[in-house]
Amino acid sequence: MSKATYSISSILVIFIIVLTVFSFRTEESIIEQAGEKAKEIFYNEEVPEDNYHGEYFSFYLPSNMEVEEVDDFNAILQNGHRTLIVFYNKLESNDSNLNYEAAKTEDAALLESFTDDNKFGYIRLLQDEEHMEYEIQVGVGGVKLTTYTTKNEIISDSENLMKIALSIVQ
């Protein structure tokens, strides 16, 4: 192998190692970022506008999701192969913490709540080690959304679920 080829190969290997080291995010870091993203969206003054108007209730539907089924108090959404369930208890106020209290468990990788003058919200992550997934639950008042997600999608899912929940209670 020529000296130039050896040098280029060495530089490429070093570049790949450096790129890998700097792009690696720990599981704890990703979980923390998911909580921060949910908090950021919760306190954001701009709630996404409803783009799904159903017979029973309306909500913001991210472009990567489809509505499978809706009834008076629930909706089933699809995000590719994953199912997301929306529970909507219209009898609970926007500042209700009923779903949060029910979500409390010692097994949670993350359980964080948020409150302002008009509403109460939370995010909970439970690790499913058997399937290498997380159950993510986001709630605001009487709205609760639940799905299973991967480590790579936790942050974007926490954002989308909080946006959907906020759009329902607005």
Protein backbone atom coordinates (compact mmCIF):
# COMPACT_ATOMS: atom_id res chain seq x y z
CA MET A 1 0.00 0.00 0.00
CA SER A 2 1.39 3.41 -0.94
CA LYS A 3 2.17 6.05 1.64
CA ALA A 4 -0.64 8.33 0.36
CA THR A 5 -3.23 5.55 0.57
CA TYR A 6 -2.07 4.69 4.09
CA SER A 7 -2.33 8.36 5.16
CA ILE A 8 -5.79 8.81 3.67
CA SER A 9 -7.00 5.56 5.26
CA SER A 10 -5.64 6.65 8.65
CA ILE A 11 -7.31 10.05 8.40
CA LEU A 12 -10.64 8.45 7.45
CA VAL A 13 -10.48 6.02 10.38
CA ILE A 14 -9.68 8.85 12.80
CA PHE A 15 -12.51 10.95 11.33
CA ILE A 16 -15.02 8.11 11.75
CA ILE A 17 -13.94 7.51 15.35
CA VAL A 18 -14.20 11.23 16.21
CA LEU A 19 -17.60 11.49 14.50
CA THR A 20 -18.87 8.45 16.37
CA VAL A 21 -17.67 9.74 19.74
CA PHE A 22 -19.20 13.18 19.28
CA SER A 23 -22.51 11.94 17.87
CA PHE A 24 -23.07 9.30 20.55
CA ARG A 25 -25.74 10.27 23.04
CA THR A 26 -26.24 8.31 26.20
CA GLU A 27 -29.61 6.89 27.06
CA GLU A 28 -29.81 9.19 30.09
CA SER A 29 -29.10 12.19 27.88
CA ILE A 30 -31.85 11.22 25.43
CA ILE A 31 -34.37 10.71 28.25
CA GLU A 32 -33.45 14.09 29.72
CA GLN A 33 -33.82 15.75 26.30
CA ALA A 34 -37.26 14.18 25.87
CA GLY A 35 -38.36 15.73 29.16
CA GLU A 36 -36.90 19.10 28.17
CA LYS A 37 -38.65 18.98 24.78
CA ALA A 38 -42.02 18.16 26.39
CA LYS A 39 -41.50 21.02 28.86
CA GLU A 40 -40.52 23.44 26.08
CA ILE A 41 -43.66 22.61 24.08
CA PHE A 42 -45.88 22.76 27.19
CA TYR A 43 -44.76 26.31 28.00
CA ASN A 44 -44.73 27.49 24.38
CA GLU A 45 -47.45 30.07 23.80
CA GLU A 46 -48.07 28.89 20.24
CA VAL A 47 -50.17 25.73 20.24
CA PRO A 48 -50.42 24.05 16.82
CA GLU A 49 -53.74 24.58 15.12
CA ASP A 50 -56.13 21.69 14.81
CA ASN A 51 -55.86 20.08 11.39
CA TYR A 52 -58.03 17.07 12.19
CA HIS A 53 -61.69 17.92 12.77
CA GLY A 54 -63.64 14.88 13.87
CA GLU A 55 -67.21 14.32 14.92
CA TYR A 56 -66.29 14.13 18.61
CA PHE A 57 -63.24 16.35 19.01
CA SER A 58 -60.53 18.10 17.01
CA PHE A 59 -56.77 18.10 17.38
CA TYR A 60 -53.42 18.73 15.77
CA LEU A 61 -52.31 15.72 13.73
CA PRO A 62 -48.60 15.61 12.80
CA SER A 63 -47.98 14.97 9.11
CA ASN A 64 -46.40 11.57 9.79
CA MET A 65 -49.53 10.24 11.53
CA GLU A 66 -52.91 9.01 10.35
CA VAL A 67 -56.22 8.69 12.21
CA GLU A 68 -57.39 5.08 12.38
CA GLU A 69 -60.42 5.42 14.64
CA VAL A 70 -62.14 8.03 16.82
CA ASP A 71 -65.02 7.87 19.27
CA ASP A 72 -66.39 10.15 21.99
CA PHE A 73 -63.36 9.85 24.27
CA ASN A 74 -60.56 8.10 22.35
CA ALA A 75 -58.58 8.19 19.16
CA ILE A 76 -56.25 5.64 17.65
CA LEU A 77 -53.50 7.08 15.50
CA GLN A 78 -50.90 5.32 13.36
CA ASN A 79 -47.34 6.45 12.87
CA GLY A 80 -46.00 3.95 10.38
CA HIS A 81 -46.15 0.60 12.16
CA ARG A 82 -46.67 2.14 15.61
CA THR A 83 -50.03 2.75 17.26
CA LEU A 84 -50.67 5.82 19.40
CA ILE A 85 -53.71 5.96 21.69
CA VAL A 86 -55.38 9.22 22.73
CA PHE A 87 -57.61 9.13 25.81
CA TYR A 88 -59.78 12.21 26.35
CA ASN A 89 -61.75 12.57 29.59
CA LYS A 90 -63.88 15.64 28.93
CA LEU A 91 -65.02 15.70 32.56
CA GLU A 92 -61.50 16.55 33.77
CA SER A 93 -60.35 20.17 33.72
CA ASN A 94 -57.19 21.32 31.95
CA ASP A 95 -55.41 21.61 35.29
CA SER A 96 -56.36 18.11 36.47
CA ASN A 97 -53.51 15.89 37.63
CA LEU A 98 -55.61 12.69 37.73
CA ASN A 99 -53.71 11.02 34.86
CA TYR A 100 -50.38 12.08 36.36
CA GLU A 101 -51.24 10.52 39.72
CA ALA A 102 -52.26 7.30 37.95
CA ALA A 103 -49.00 7.34 35.95
CA LYS A 104 -46.74 7.45 39.01
CA THR A 105 -44.53 4.40 39.33
CA GLU A 106 -41.10 3.70 40.74
CA ASP A 107 -40.12 2.03 37.47
CA ALA A 108 -40.32 5.25 35.45
CA ALA A 109 -37.14 6.26 33.65
CA LEU A 110 -38.65 9.76 33.60
CA LEU A 111 -41.68 11.29 35.30
CA GLU A 112 -41.82 15.05 35.10
CA SER A 113 -44.75 17.41 35.54
CA PHE A 114 -45.39 20.95 34.34
CA THR A 115 -47.94 23.51 35.43
CA ASP A 116 -49.02 27.02 34.61
CA ASP A 117 -52.06 29.14 35.47
CA ASN A 118 -54.39 27.20 33.16
CA LYS A 119 -53.14 23.65 32.78
CA PHE A 120 -51.20 20.73 34.23
CA GLY A 121 -49.10 18.41 32.09
CA TYR A 122 -46.58 15.61 32.40
CA ILE A 123 -44.37 13.14 30.59
CA ARG A 124 -43.57 9.61 31.70
CA LEU A 125 -41.14 7.15 30.14
CA LEU A 126 -41.04 3.47 31.07
CA GLN A 127 -38.32 1.28 29.66
CA ASP A 128 -39.38 -2.05 28.17
CA GLU A 129 -36.05 -3.84 28.28
CA GLU A 130 -37.45 -7.01 26.73
CA HIS A 131 -38.33 -5.23 23.48
CA MET A 132 -35.69 -2.46 23.71
CA GLU A 133 -38.44 0.17 23.60
CA TYR A 134 -39.96 2.82 25.80
CA GLU A 135 -43.57 3.41 26.67
CA ILE A 136 -44.07 7.14 26.45
CA GLN A 137 -47.08 8.77 28.07
CA VAL A 138 -47.81 12.48 27.80
CA GLY A 139 -50.78 14.16 29.39
CA VAL A 140 -52.40 17.55 29.81
CA GLY A 141 -55.47 17.83 32.03
CA GLY A 142 -57.92 15.13 30.99
CA VAL A 143 -55.94 14.19 27.86
CA LYS A 144 -53.47 11.31 27.88
CA LEU A 145 -51.49 9.95 24.94
CA THR A 146 -49.56 6.68 25.00
CA THR A 147 -47.37 4.80 22.55
CA TYR A 148 -44.22 2.72 22.37
CA THR A 149 -41.13 4.33 20.91
CA THR A 150 -37.47 3.68 20.31
CA LYS A 151 -34.50 5.50 21.79
CA ASN A 152 -34.00 7.28 18.47
CA GLU A 153 -37.58 8.61 18.38
CA ILE A 154 -38.20 9.54 22.04
CA ILE A 155 -37.41 13.23 21.62
CA SER A 156 -39.55 13.78 18.51
CA ASP A 157 -42.36 11.68 20.01
CA SER A 158 -42.35 13.72 23.22
CA GLU A 159 -42.73 16.85 21.10
CA ASN A 160 -45.52 15.48 18.90
CA LEU A 161 -47.49 13.95 21.77
CA MET A 162 -47.36 17.17 23.79
CA LYS A 163 -48.48 19.17 20.75
CA ILE A 164 -51.45 16.85 20.23
CA ALA A 165 -52.44 16.97 23.91
CA LEU A 166 -52.21 20.76 24.04
CA SER A 167 -54.26 21.15 20.87
CA ILE A 168 -57.09 19.13 22.44
CA VAL A 169 -57.26 21.11 25.67
CA GLN A 170 -56.85 24.58 24.14
